[in-house]
Amino acid sequence: MDWKQIIGTVAPWLGTALGGPLGGLAVSAVADALGLSDRTEDAIKQAISGATPEQMLAIKSADQQFAARMQELGFANQQALAKIAADDRDSARRMAIADGGRTQRNLAYVIVGAALVCGAGILFAQVQADSTLAGVVIGYLFNEAGAASAFFFGEAKNRFWVKTE
């Protein structure tokens, strides 16, 4: 299970905030709850993998404090935090509409093209490269190609839904 899913299960407010623009606050709250001096996602991921029940309770307590703090700032519920993340994605799409989508389209072409060229080079050419480096580069390019297609076509979980309207 992904560490963000674990946080989302134990601490729903923090889990929701991790996916949006308030992610930095959520990471800090989780790191404080776990007693980590290194406030990075990697440090939290390692700490979560070996977390004790007491640490999970500390995360739950941090979630309650985070929820109270967010409510003080005007976020009435988790849906308000989710709306911020959705509005952030929506503003990116509105920007694409305003400039005709040229930047995003051209960037997507370059990323997908680079992924295909690198993939073909690995499969058909005798490219001499460190296998670890090649794997990282190919993995990155195909991951970004997937993100580019998700931008234009939607995420896979929504792509095949039947619309009844």
C-alpha atoms as a PDB file:
ATOM      1  CA  MET A   1       0.000   0.000   0.000  1.00  0.00           C
ATOM      2  CA  ASP A   2       1.242   3.471  -0.875  1.00  0.00           C
ATOM      3  CA  TRP A   3       2.283   5.608   2.096  1.00  0.00           C
ATOM      4  CA  LYS A   4      -0.103   8.381   1.034  1.00  0.00           C
ATOM      5  CA  GLN A   5      -2.994   5.903   1.110  1.00  0.00           C
ATOM      6  CA  ILE A   6      -1.971   4.854   4.609  1.00  0.00           C
ATOM      7  CA  ILE A   7      -1.926   8.498   5.710  1.00  0.00           C
ATOM      8  CA  GLY A   8      -5.295   9.030   4.007  1.00  0.00           C
ATOM      9  CA  THR A   9      -6.785   6.086   5.899  1.00  0.00           C
ATOM     10  CA  VAL A  10      -5.385   7.026   9.303  1.00  0.00           C
ATOM     11  CA  ALA A  11      -5.591  10.797   8.869  1.00  0.00           C
ATOM     12  CA  PRO A  12      -8.150  11.824   6.227  1.00  0.00           C
ATOM     13  CA  TRP A  13      -7.556  15.576   6.470  1.00  0.00           C
ATOM     14  CA  LEU A  14      -3.802  15.171   6.044  1.00  0.00           C
ATOM     15  CA  GLY A  15      -4.295  12.605   3.282  1.00  0.00           C
ATOM     16  CA  THR A  16      -6.541  14.979   1.344  1.00  0.00           C
ATOM     17  CA  ALA A  17      -4.127  17.886   1.792  1.00  0.00           C
ATOM     18  CA  LEU A  18      -1.141  15.819   0.563  1.00  0.00           C
ATOM     19  CA  GLY A  19      -2.571  15.781  -2.957  1.00  0.00           C
ATOM     20  CA  GLY A  20      -3.095  19.519  -3.273  1.00  0.00           C
ATOM     21  CA  PRO A  21      -1.405  22.861  -2.826  1.00  0.00           C
ATOM     22  CA  LEU A  22      -1.414  22.438   0.967  1.00  0.00           C
ATOM     23  CA  GLY A  23       0.807  19.363   0.689  1.00  0.00           C
ATOM     24  CA  GLY A  24       3.766  21.083   2.331  1.00  0.00           C
ATOM     25  CA  LEU A  25       1.742  21.800   5.465  1.00  0.00           C
ATOM     26  CA  ALA A  26       0.538  18.198   5.552  1.00  0.00           C
ATOM     27  CA  VAL A  27       4.065  16.807   5.130  1.00  0.00           C
ATOM     28  CA  SER A  28       5.282  19.022   7.985  1.00  0.00           C
ATOM     29  CA  ALA A  29       2.429  17.890  10.231  1.00  0.00           C
ATOM     30  CA  VAL A  30       3.123  14.198   9.549  1.00  0.00           C
ATOM     31  CA  ALA A  31       6.885  14.671  10.021  1.00  0.00           C
ATOM     32  CA  ASP A  32       6.270  16.423  13.346  1.00  0.00           C
ATOM     33  CA  ALA A  33       3.939  13.633  14.467  1.00  0.00           C
ATOM     34  CA  LEU A  34       6.575  11.024  13.638  1.00  0.00           C
ATOM     35  CA  GLY A  35       9.332  13.061  15.286  1.00  0.00           C
ATOM     36  CA  LEU A  36      11.322  13.431  12.068  1.00  0.00           C
ATOM     37  CA  SER A  37      13.824  16.218  11.613  1.00  0.00           C
ATOM     38  CA  ASP A  38      13.929  15.559   7.855  1.00  0.00           C
ATOM     39  CA  ARG A  39      10.607  16.875   6.521  1.00  0.00           C
ATOM     40  CA  THR A  40      10.632  15.149   3.145  1.00  0.00           C
ATOM     41  CA  GLU A  41       8.290  12.657   1.549  1.00  0.00           C
ATOM     42  CA  ASP A  42      11.096  10.077   1.390  1.00  0.00           C
ATOM     43  CA  ALA A  43      11.727  10.338   5.136  1.00  0.00           C
ATOM     44  CA  ILE A  44       8.015   9.978   5.853  1.00  0.00           C
ATOM     45  CA  LYS A  45       7.754   7.004   3.495  1.00  0.00           C
ATOM     46  CA  GLN A  46      10.536   5.202   5.362  1.00  0.00           C
ATOM     47  CA  ALA A  47       9.084   6.088   8.762  1.00  0.00           C
ATOM     48  CA  ILE A  48       5.591   4.901   7.771  1.00  0.00           C
ATOM     49  CA  SER A  49       6.927   1.537   6.599  1.00  0.00           C
ATOM     50  CA  GLY A  50       8.067   0.752  10.144  1.00  0.00           C
ATOM     51  CA  ALA A  51       5.611   2.850  12.140  1.00  0.00           C
ATOM     52  CA  THR A  52       4.469   1.668  15.556  1.00  0.00           C
ATOM     53  CA  PRO A  53       0.859   1.894  16.759  1.00  0.00           C
ATOM     54  CA  GLU A  54       1.880   4.842  18.943  1.00  0.00           C
ATOM     55  CA  GLN A  55       3.223   6.690  15.916  1.00  0.00           C
ATOM     56  CA  MET A  56      -0.001   6.005  14.014  1.00  0.00           C
ATOM     57  CA  LEU A  57      -1.951   7.456  16.951  1.00  0.00           C
ATOM     58  CA  ALA A  58       0.334  10.492  16.832  1.00  0.00           C
ATOM     59  CA  ILE A  59      -0.507  10.898  13.136  1.00  0.00           C
ATOM     60  CA  LYS A  60      -4.222  10.638  13.965  1.00  0.00           C
ATOM     61  CA  SER A  61      -3.766  13.319  16.630  1.00  0.00           C
ATOM     62  CA  ALA A  62      -1.883  15.500  14.136  1.00  0.00           C
ATOM     63  CA  ASP A  63      -4.793  15.028  11.727  1.00  0.00           C
ATOM     64  CA  GLN A  64      -7.235  16.333  14.324  1.00  0.00           C
ATOM     65  CA  GLN A  65      -5.006  19.352  14.980  1.00  0.00           C
ATOM     66  CA  PHE A  66      -4.628  19.911  11.238  1.00  0.00           C
ATOM     67  CA  ALA A  67      -8.412  19.720  10.781  1.00  0.00           C
ATOM     68  CA  ALA A  68      -8.927  22.303  13.525  1.00  0.00           C
ATOM     69  CA  ARG A  69      -6.312  24.570  11.950  1.00  0.00           C
ATOM     70  CA  MET A  70      -7.882  24.244   8.493  1.00  0.00           C
ATOM     71  CA  GLN A  71     -11.322  25.023   9.908  1.00  0.00           C
ATOM     72  CA  GLU A  72      -9.869  28.145  11.533  1.00  0.00           C
ATOM     73  CA  LEU A  73      -8.540  29.140   8.121  1.00  0.00           C
ATOM     74  CA  GLY A  74     -11.987  28.693   6.595  1.00  0.00           C
ATOM     75  CA  PHE A  75     -11.943  25.182   5.200  1.00  0.00           C
ATOM     76  CA  ALA A  76     -15.180  23.680   6.484  1.00  0.00           C
ATOM     77  CA  ASN A  77     -14.509  20.111   5.407  1.00  0.00           C
ATOM     78  CA  GLN A  78     -12.342  17.801   3.339  1.00  0.00           C
ATOM     79  CA  GLN A  79     -14.365  18.614   0.243  1.00  0.00           C
ATOM     80  CA  ALA A  80     -13.102  22.204   0.456  1.00  0.00           C
ATOM     81  CA  LEU A  81      -9.513  20.931   0.359  1.00  0.00           C
ATOM     82  CA  ALA A  82     -10.340  18.628  -2.544  1.00  0.00           C
ATOM     83  CA  LYS A  83     -11.963  21.578  -4.338  1.00  0.00           C
ATOM     84  CA  ILE A  84      -8.706  23.547  -4.060  1.00  0.00           C
ATOM     85  CA  ALA A  85      -6.830  20.721  -5.790  1.00  0.00           C
ATOM     86  CA  ALA A  86      -9.540  20.430  -8.468  1.00  0.00           C
ATOM     87  CA  ASP A  87      -9.534  24.198  -9.033  1.00  0.00           C
ATOM     88  CA  ASP A  88      -5.759  24.073  -9.444  1.00  0.00           C
ATOM     89  CA  ARG A  89      -6.109  21.504 -12.236  1.00  0.00           C
ATOM     90  CA  ASP A  90      -8.985  23.477 -13.745  1.00  0.00           C
ATOM     91  CA  SER A  91      -6.910  26.662 -13.885  1.00  0.00           C
ATOM     92  CA  ALA A  92      -4.247  24.769 -15.848  1.00  0.00           C
ATOM     93  CA  ARG A  93      -6.878  23.673 -18.345  1.00  0.00           C
ATOM     94  CA  ARG A  94      -8.265  27.228 -18.614  1.00  0.00           C
ATOM     95  CA  MET A  95      -4.756  28.488 -19.315  1.00  0.00           C
ATOM     96  CA  ALA A  96      -4.457  25.917 -22.094  1.00  0.00           C
ATOM     97  CA  ILE A  97      -7.718  27.145 -23.605  1.00  0.00           C
ATOM     98  CA  ALA A  98      -6.597  30.780 -23.415  1.00  0.00           C
ATOM     99  CA  ASP A  99      -3.400  30.217 -25.416  1.00  0.00           C
ATOM    100  CA  GLY A 100      -4.888  27.648 -27.746  1.00  0.00           C
ATOM    101  CA  GLY A 101      -3.102  24.773 -26.025  1.00  0.00           C
ATOM    102  CA  ARG A 102       0.045  25.152 -28.099  1.00  0.00           C
ATOM    103  CA  THR A 103       2.492  24.927 -25.202  1.00  0.00           C
ATOM    104  CA  GLN A 104       0.957  21.843 -23.647  1.00  0.00           C
ATOM    105  CA  ARG A 105       0.398  20.158 -27.016  1.00  0.00           C
ATOM    106  CA  ASN A 106       3.969  20.751 -28.181  1.00  0.00           C
ATOM    107  CA  LEU A 107       5.407  19.642 -24.844  1.00  0.00           C
ATOM    108  CA  ALA A 108       3.276  16.493 -25.001  1.00  0.00           C
ATOM    109  CA  TYR A 109       4.531  15.779 -28.543  1.00  0.00           C
ATOM    110  CA  VAL A 110       8.148  16.162 -27.421  1.00  0.00           C
ATOM    111  CA  ILE A 111       7.709  13.958 -24.341  1.00  0.00           C
ATOM    112  CA  VAL A 112       5.804  11.191 -26.133  1.00  0.00           C
ATOM    113  CA  GLY A 113       8.208  11.366 -29.090  1.00  0.00           C
ATOM    114  CA  ALA A 114      11.237  11.142 -26.806  1.00  0.00           C
ATOM    115  CA  ALA A 115       9.704   8.176 -24.989  1.00  0.00           C
ATOM    116  CA  LEU A 116       9.060   6.375 -28.277  1.00  0.00           C
ATOM    117  CA  VAL A 117      12.527   7.130 -29.673  1.00  0.00           C
ATOM    118  CA  CYS A 118      14.220   5.967 -26.465  1.00  0.00           C
ATOM    119  CA  GLY A 119      12.042   2.865 -26.337  1.00  0.00           C
ATOM    120  CA  ALA A 120      12.833   2.044 -29.972  1.00  0.00           C
ATOM    121  CA  GLY A 121      16.512   2.698 -29.333  1.00  0.00           C
ATOM    122  CA  ILE A 122      16.521   0.225 -26.456  1.00  0.00           C
ATOM    123  CA  LEU A 123      14.584  -2.408 -28.421  1.00  0.00           C
ATOM    124  CA  PHE A 124      16.126  -2.163 -31.881  1.00  0.00           C
ATOM    125  CA  ALA A 125      19.481  -0.391 -31.627  1.00  0.00           C
ATOM    126  CA  GLN A 126      22.587  -1.509 -29.853  1.00  0.00           C
ATOM    127  CA  VAL A 127      22.734   1.465 -27.495  1.00  0.00           C
ATOM    128  CA  GLN A 128      25.584   1.269 -25.018  1.00  0.00           C
ATOM    129  CA  ALA A 129      24.322   2.775 -21.763  1.00  0.00           C
ATOM    130  CA  ASP A 130      24.340   1.981 -18.093  1.00  0.00           C
ATOM    131  CA  SER A 131      21.238  -0.144 -17.504  1.00  0.00           C
ATOM    132  CA  THR A 132      20.271   1.734 -14.345  1.00  0.00           C
ATOM    133  CA  LEU A 133      20.516   5.111 -16.051  1.00  0.00           C
ATOM    134  CA  ALA A 134      18.628   3.837 -19.097  1.00  0.00           C
ATOM    135  CA  GLY A 135      15.896   2.416 -16.877  1.00  0.00           C
ATOM    136  CA  VAL A 136      15.519   5.673 -14.972  1.00  0.00           C
ATOM    137  CA  VAL A 137      15.373   7.775 -18.147  1.00  0.00           C
ATOM    138  CA  ILE A 138      12.913   5.447 -19.884  1.00  0.00           C
ATOM    139  CA  GLY A 139      10.769   5.197 -16.756  1.00  0.00           C
ATOM    140  CA  TYR A 140      10.700   8.968 -16.397  1.00  0.00           C
ATOM    141  CA  LEU A 141       9.816   9.558 -20.045  1.00  0.00           C
ATOM    142  CA  PHE A 142       7.009   7.000 -20.076  1.00  0.00           C
ATOM    143  CA  ASN A 143       5.658   8.332 -16.779  1.00  0.00           C
ATOM    144  CA  GLU A 144       5.592  11.864 -18.197  1.00  0.00           C
ATOM    145  CA  ALA A 145       4.041  10.579 -21.433  1.00  0.00           C
ATOM    146  CA  GLY A 146       1.264   9.058 -19.321  1.00  0.00           C
ATOM    147  CA  ALA A 147       0.785  12.355 -17.500  1.00  0.00           C
ATOM    148  CA  ALA A 148       0.621  14.208 -20.813  1.00  0.00           C
ATOM    149  CA  SER A 149      -2.041  11.853 -22.139  1.00  0.00           C
ATOM    150  CA  ALA A 150      -3.960  12.129 -18.854  1.00  0.00           C
ATOM    151  CA  PHE A 151      -3.949  15.908 -19.275  1.00  0.00           C
ATOM    152  CA  PHE A 152      -5.588  15.688 -22.693  1.00  0.00           C
ATOM    153  CA  PHE A 153      -7.775  12.596 -22.315  1.00  0.00           C
ATOM    154  CA  GLY A 154      -8.439  12.415 -18.568  1.00  0.00           C
ATOM    155  CA  GLU A 155      -7.211   9.838 -16.105  1.00  0.00           C
ATOM    156  CA  ALA A 156      -7.776   6.153 -16.846  1.00  0.00           C
ATOM    157  CA  LYS A 157     -10.284   5.677 -14.051  1.00  0.00           C
ATOM    158  CA  ASN A 158     -12.586   8.260 -15.677  1.00  0.00           C
ATOM    159  CA  ARG A 159     -11.865   7.508 -19.313  1.00  0.00           C
ATOM    160  CA  PHE A 160     -14.276   4.613 -19.753  1.00  0.00           C
ATOM    161  CA  TRP A 161     -17.237   5.848 -17.742  1.00  0.00           C
ATOM    162  CA  VAL A 162     -20.503   5.916 -19.626  1.00  0.00           C
ATOM    163  CA  LYS A 163     -22.051   9.358 -19.544  1.00  0.00           C
ATOM    164  CA  THR A 164     -25.831   9.245 -19.275  1.00  0.00           C
ATOM    165  CA  GLU A 165     -26.495  12.922 -19.934  1.00  0.00           C
END
